[in-house]
Amino acid sequence: MALNTADLCDQLGNTAYVADPMFGNYGGMTAFGGQIATLKVFKNNTLVRAALETPG
């Protein structure tokens, strides 16, 4: 199922936040998918380090 940013913004209105594009195109892939995790940290990267040490 493909979701477009514009469609999500139309559905969610002001509750949608769009992240700045920060990915470079390496290898010709125009799309990707998979499981993600979001961490909210402040001046402590312990959770980031733990997440990076997990497989995947």
PDB file of N, CA and C in Angstrom:
ATOM      1  N   MET A   1       0.844  -1.169   0.000  1.00  0.00           N
ATOM      2  CA  MET A   1       0.000   0.000   0.000  1.00  0.00           C
ATOM      3  C   MET A   1       0.893   1.237   0.000  1.00  0.00           C
ATOM      4  N   ALA A   2       0.773   2.070  -0.990  1.00  0.00           N
ATOM      5  CA  ALA A   2       1.583   3.284  -1.092  1.00  0.00           C
ATOM      6  C   ALA A   2       0.833   4.463  -0.481  1.00  0.00           C
ATOM      7  N   LEU A   3       1.522   5.215   0.335  1.00  0.00           N
ATOM      8  CA  LEU A   3       0.959   6.424   0.929  1.00  0.00           C
ATOM      9  C   LEU A   3       1.740   7.624   0.415  1.00  0.00           C
ATOM     10  N   ASN A   4       1.041   8.608  -0.057  1.00  0.00           N
ATOM     11  CA  ASN A   4       1.685   9.827  -0.529  1.00  0.00           C
ATOM     12  C   ASN A   4       1.619  10.892   0.553  1.00  0.00           C
ATOM     13  N   THR A   5       2.682  11.682   0.654  1.00  0.00           N
ATOM     14  CA  THR A   5       2.743  12.740   1.662  1.00  0.00           C
ATOM     15  C   THR A   5       1.570  13.697   1.526  1.00  0.00           C
ATOM     16  N   ALA A   6       1.248  14.086   0.309  1.00  0.00           N
ATOM     17  CA  ALA A   6       0.149  15.033   0.095  1.00  0.00           C
ATOM     18  C   ALA A   6      -1.183  14.465   0.577  1.00  0.00           C
ATOM     19  N   ASP A   7      -1.421  13.180   0.312  1.00  0.00           N
ATOM     20  CA  ASP A   7      -2.670  12.551   0.754  1.00  0.00           C
ATOM     21  C   ASP A   7      -2.760  12.502   2.279  1.00  0.00           C
ATOM     22  N   LEU A   8      -1.645  12.165   2.927  1.00  0.00           N
ATOM     23  CA  LEU A   8      -1.638  12.136   4.388  1.00  0.00           C
ATOM     24  C   LEU A   8      -1.889  13.520   4.973  1.00  0.00           C
ATOM     25  N   CYS A   9      -1.272  14.539   4.396  1.00  0.00           N
ATOM     26  CA  CYS A   9      -1.478  15.912   4.875  1.00  0.00           C
ATOM     27  C   CYS A   9      -2.929  16.339   4.681  1.00  0.00           C
ATOM     28  N   ASP A  10      -3.535  15.931   3.576  1.00  0.00           N
ATOM     29  CA  ASP A  10      -4.950  16.249   3.349  1.00  0.00           C
ATOM     30  C   ASP A  10      -5.832  15.588   4.409  1.00  0.00           C
ATOM     31  N   GLN A  11      -5.522  14.342   4.744  1.00  0.00           N
ATOM     32  CA  GLN A  11      -6.326  13.607   5.724  1.00  0.00           C
ATOM     33  C   GLN A  11      -6.121  14.117   7.149  1.00  0.00           C
ATOM     34  N   LEU A  12      -4.877  14.435   7.499  1.00  0.00           N
ATOM     35  CA  LEU A  12      -4.554  14.754   8.886  1.00  0.00           C
ATOM     36  C   LEU A  12      -4.536  16.245   9.197  1.00  0.00           C
ATOM     37  N   GLY A  13      -4.503  17.071   8.173  1.00  0.00           N
ATOM     38  CA  GLY A  13      -4.510  18.518   8.388  1.00  0.00           C
ATOM     39  C   GLY A  13      -3.317  18.995   9.196  1.00  0.00           C
ATOM     40  N   ASN A  14      -3.574  19.842  10.192  1.00  0.00           N
ATOM     41  CA  ASN A  14      -2.498  20.433  10.991  1.00  0.00           C
ATOM     42  C   ASN A  14      -1.845  19.462  11.967  1.00  0.00           C
ATOM     43  N   THR A  15      -2.357  18.243  12.061  1.00  0.00           N
ATOM     44  CA  THR A  15      -1.731  17.275  12.960  1.00  0.00           C
ATOM     45  C   THR A  15      -0.594  16.521  12.283  1.00  0.00           C
ATOM     46  N   ALA A  16      -0.403  16.714  10.985  1.00  0.00           N
ATOM     47  CA  ALA A  16       0.671  16.049  10.250  1.00  0.00           C
ATOM     48  C   ALA A  16       1.925  16.912  10.265  1.00  0.00           C
ATOM     49  N   TYR A  17       3.052  16.283  10.483  1.00  0.00           N
ATOM     50  CA  TYR A  17       4.351  16.947  10.413  1.00  0.00           C
ATOM     51  C   TYR A  17       5.152  16.276   9.308  1.00  0.00           C
ATOM     52  N   VAL A  18       5.761  17.067   8.444  1.00  0.00           N
ATOM     53  CA  VAL A  18       6.540  16.539   7.333  1.00  0.00           C
ATOM     54  C   VAL A  18       8.011  16.781   7.622  1.00  0.00           C
ATOM     55  N   ALA A  19       8.794  15.712   7.640  1.00  0.00           N
ATOM     56  CA  ALA A  19      10.228  15.818   7.891  1.00  0.00           C
ATOM     57  C   ALA A  19      10.943  16.309   6.637  1.00  0.00           C
ATOM     58  N   ASP A  20      12.012  17.046   6.852  1.00  0.00           N
ATOM     59  CA  ASP A  20      12.828  17.488   5.728  1.00  0.00           C
ATOM     60  C   ASP A  20      13.461  16.270   5.067  1.00  0.00           C
ATOM     61  N   PRO A  21      13.534  16.270   3.735  1.00  0.00           N
ATOM     62  CA  PRO A  21      14.183  15.143   3.059  1.00  0.00           C
ATOM     63  C   PRO A  21      15.672  15.144   3.374  1.00  0.00           C
ATOM     64  N   MET A  22      16.162  14.035   3.904  1.00  0.00           N
ATOM     65  CA  MET A  22      17.568  13.979   4.279  1.00  0.00           C
ATOM     66  C   MET A  22      18.261  12.734   3.735  1.00  0.00           C
ATOM     67  N   PHE A  23      17.602  12.045   2.844  1.00  0.00           N
ATOM     68  CA  PHE A  23      18.170  10.822   2.309  1.00  0.00           C
ATOM     69  C   PHE A  23      18.754  11.067   0.929  1.00  0.00           C
ATOM     70  N   GLY A  24      19.940  10.566   0.697  1.00  0.00           N
ATOM     71  CA  GLY A  24      20.539  10.608  -0.631  1.00  0.00           C
ATOM     72  C   GLY A  24      20.121   9.374  -1.408  1.00  0.00           C
ATOM     73  N   ASN A  25      20.108   9.466  -2.723  1.00  0.00           N
ATOM     74  CA  ASN A  25      19.742   8.343  -3.572  1.00  0.00           C
ATOM     75  C   ASN A  25      21.009   7.578  -3.926  1.00  0.00           C
ATOM     76  N   TYR A  26      21.252   6.485  -3.231  1.00  0.00           N
ATOM     77  CA  TYR A  26      22.415   5.644  -3.482  1.00  0.00           C
ATOM     78  C   TYR A  26      21.922   4.278  -3.932  1.00  0.00           C
ATOM     79  N   GLY A  27      22.271   3.878  -5.120  1.00  0.00           N
ATOM     80  CA  GLY A  27      21.882   2.574  -5.618  1.00  0.00           C
ATOM     81  C   GLY A  27      20.609   2.565  -6.439  1.00  0.00           C
ATOM     82  N   GLY A  28      20.036   3.726  -6.733  1.00  0.00           N
ATOM     83  CA  GLY A  28      18.889   3.808  -7.621  1.00  0.00           C
ATOM     84  C   GLY A  28      17.553   3.464  -6.992  1.00  0.00           C
ATOM     85  N   MET A  29      17.493   3.236  -5.701  1.00  0.00           N
ATOM     86  CA  MET A  29      16.220   2.928  -5.049  1.00  0.00           C
ATOM     87  C   MET A  29      15.417   4.216  -4.888  1.00  0.00           C
ATOM     88  N   THR A  30      14.172   4.202  -5.332  1.00  0.00           N
ATOM     89  CA  THR A  30      13.324   5.387  -5.194  1.00  0.00           C
ATOM     90  C   THR A  30      12.336   5.253  -4.047  1.00  0.00           C
ATOM     91  N   ALA A  31      12.268   4.064  -3.446  1.00  0.00           N
ATOM     92  CA  ALA A  31      11.367   3.839  -2.319  1.00  0.00           C
ATOM     93  C   ALA A  31      11.966   2.756  -1.430  1.00  0.00           C
ATOM     94  N   PHE A  32      11.587   2.771  -0.186  1.00  0.00           N
ATOM     95  CA  PHE A  32      12.022   1.734   0.734  1.00  0.00           C
ATOM     96  C   PHE A  32      10.962   1.578   1.808  1.00  0.00           C
ATOM     97  N   GLY A  33      11.034   0.516   2.543  1.00  0.00           N
ATOM     98  CA  GLY A  33      10.059   0.293   3.605  1.00  0.00           C
ATOM     99  C   GLY A  33      10.625  -0.622   4.660  1.00  0.00           C
ATOM    100  N   GLY A  34       9.972  -0.667   5.770  1.00  0.00           N
ATOM    101  CA  GLY A  34      10.398  -1.535   6.848  1.00  0.00           C
ATOM    102  C   GLY A  34      10.003  -0.969   8.191  1.00  0.00           C
ATOM    103  N   GLN A  35      10.375  -1.680   9.218  1.00  0.00           N
ATOM    104  CA  GLN A  35      10.048  -1.280  10.578  1.00  0.00           C
ATOM    105  C   GLN A  35      10.957  -0.129  11.003  1.00  0.00           C
ATOM    106  N   ILE A  36      10.399   0.832  11.730  1.00  0.00           N
ATOM    107  CA  ILE A  36      11.181   1.957  12.233  1.00  0.00           C
ATOM    108  C   ILE A  36      10.946   2.116  13.730  1.00  0.00           C
ATOM    109  N   ALA A  37      11.801   2.884  14.332  1.00  0.00           N
ATOM    110  CA  ALA A  37      11.623   3.270  15.736  1.00  0.00           C
ATOM    111  C   ALA A  37      11.967   4.744  15.847  1.00  0.00           C
ATOM    112  N   THR A  38      11.197   5.468  16.630  1.00  0.00           N
ATOM    113  CA  THR A  38      11.448   6.885  16.856  1.00  0.00           C
ATOM    114  C   THR A  38      11.841   7.077  18.312  1.00  0.00           C
ATOM    115  N   LEU A  39      12.944   7.776  18.518  1.00  0.00           N
ATOM    116  CA  LEU A  39      13.414   8.042  19.871  1.00  0.00           C
ATOM    117  C   LEU A  39      13.409   9.542  20.118  1.00  0.00           C
ATOM    118  N   LYS A  40      12.952   9.938  21.280  1.00  0.00           N
ATOM    119  CA  LYS A  40      13.020  11.340  21.677  1.00  0.00           C
ATOM    120  C   LYS A  40      14.030  11.421  22.817  1.00  0.00           C
ATOM    121  N   VAL A  41      15.153  12.088  22.549  1.00  0.00           N
ATOM    122  CA  VAL A  41      16.213  12.167  23.551  1.00  0.00           C
ATOM    123  C   VAL A  41      16.655  13.612  23.723  1.00  0.00           C
ATOM    124  N   PHE A  42      17.228  13.897  24.881  1.00  0.00           N
ATOM    125  CA  PHE A  42      17.756  15.232  25.154  1.00  0.00           C
ATOM    126  C   PHE A  42      19.052  15.074  25.935  1.00  0.00           C
ATOM    127  N   LYS A  43      20.156  15.401  25.310  1.00  0.00           N
ATOM    128  CA  LYS A  43      21.488  15.385  25.934  1.00  0.00           C
ATOM    129  C   LYS A  43      21.887  14.027  26.499  1.00  0.00           C
ATOM    130  N   ASN A  44      21.328  12.954  25.979  1.00  0.00           N
ATOM    131  CA  ASN A  44      21.688  11.625  26.440  1.00  0.00           C
ATOM    132  C   ASN A  44      21.424  10.651  25.303  1.00  0.00           C
ATOM    133  N   ASN A  45      22.488  10.082  24.754  1.00  0.00           N
ATOM    134  CA  ASN A  45      22.317   9.197  23.599  1.00  0.00           C
ATOM    135  C   ASN A  45      22.296   7.720  23.980  1.00  0.00           C
ATOM    136  N   THR A  46      22.026   7.395  25.228  1.00  0.00           N
ATOM    137  CA  THR A  46      22.003   6.001  25.666  1.00  0.00           C
ATOM    138  C   THR A  46      20.991   5.185  24.868  1.00  0.00           C
ATOM    139  N   LEU A  47      19.792   5.723  24.657  1.00  0.00           N
ATOM    140  CA  LEU A  47      18.773   4.998  23.895  1.00  0.00           C
ATOM    141  C   LEU A  47      19.167   4.851  22.430  1.00  0.00           C
ATOM    142  N   VAL A  48      19.823   5.866  21.873  1.00  0.00           N
ATOM    143  CA  VAL A  48      20.278   5.794  20.479  1.00  0.00           C
ATOM    144  C   VAL A  48      21.326   4.702  20.347  1.00  0.00           C
ATOM    145  N   ARG A  49      22.286   4.685  21.253  1.00  0.00           N
ATOM    146  CA  ARG A  49      23.335   3.665  21.215  1.00  0.00           C
ATOM    147  C   ARG A  49      22.730   2.259  21.339  1.00  0.00           C
ATOM    148  N   ALA A  50      21.780   2.084  22.236  1.00  0.00           N
ATOM    149  CA  ALA A  50      21.134   0.778  22.412  1.00  0.00           C
ATOM    150  C   ALA A  50      20.380   0.370  21.152  1.00  0.00           C
ATOM    151  N   ALA A  51      19.702   1.314  20.505  1.00  0.00           N
ATOM    152  CA  ALA A  51      18.967   1.007  19.274  1.00  0.00           C
ATOM    153  C   ALA A  51      19.921   0.612  18.157  1.00  0.00           C
ATOM    154  N   LEU A  52      21.069   1.278  18.070  1.00  0.00           N
ATOM    155  CA  LEU A  52      22.039   0.962  17.021  1.00  0.00           C
ATOM    156  C   LEU A  52      22.708  -0.389  17.230  1.00  0.00           C
ATOM    157  N   GLU A  53      22.715  -0.887  18.438  1.00  0.00           N
ATOM    158  CA  GLU A  53      23.332  -2.180  18.729  1.00  0.00           C
ATOM    159  C   GLU A  53      22.400  -3.358  18.462  1.00  0.00           C
ATOM    160  N   THR A  54      21.131  -3.100  18.144  1.00  0.00           N
ATOM    161  CA  THR A  54      20.203  -4.185  17.852  1.00  0.00           C
ATOM    162  C   THR A  54      20.391  -4.663  16.418  1.00  0.00           C
ATOM    163  N   PRO A  55      20.069  -5.915  16.117  1.00  0.00           N
ATOM    164  CA  PRO A  55      20.198  -6.425  14.749  1.00  0.00           C
ATOM    165  C   PRO A  55      19.290  -5.665  13.778  1.00  0.00           C
ATOM    166  N   GLY A  56      19.751  -5.533  12.564  1.00  0.00           N
ATOM    167  CA  GLY A  56      18.934  -4.899  11.539  1.00  0.00           C
ATOM    168  C   GLY A  56      19.484  -3.615  11.156  1.00  0.00           C
TER     169      GLY A  56
END
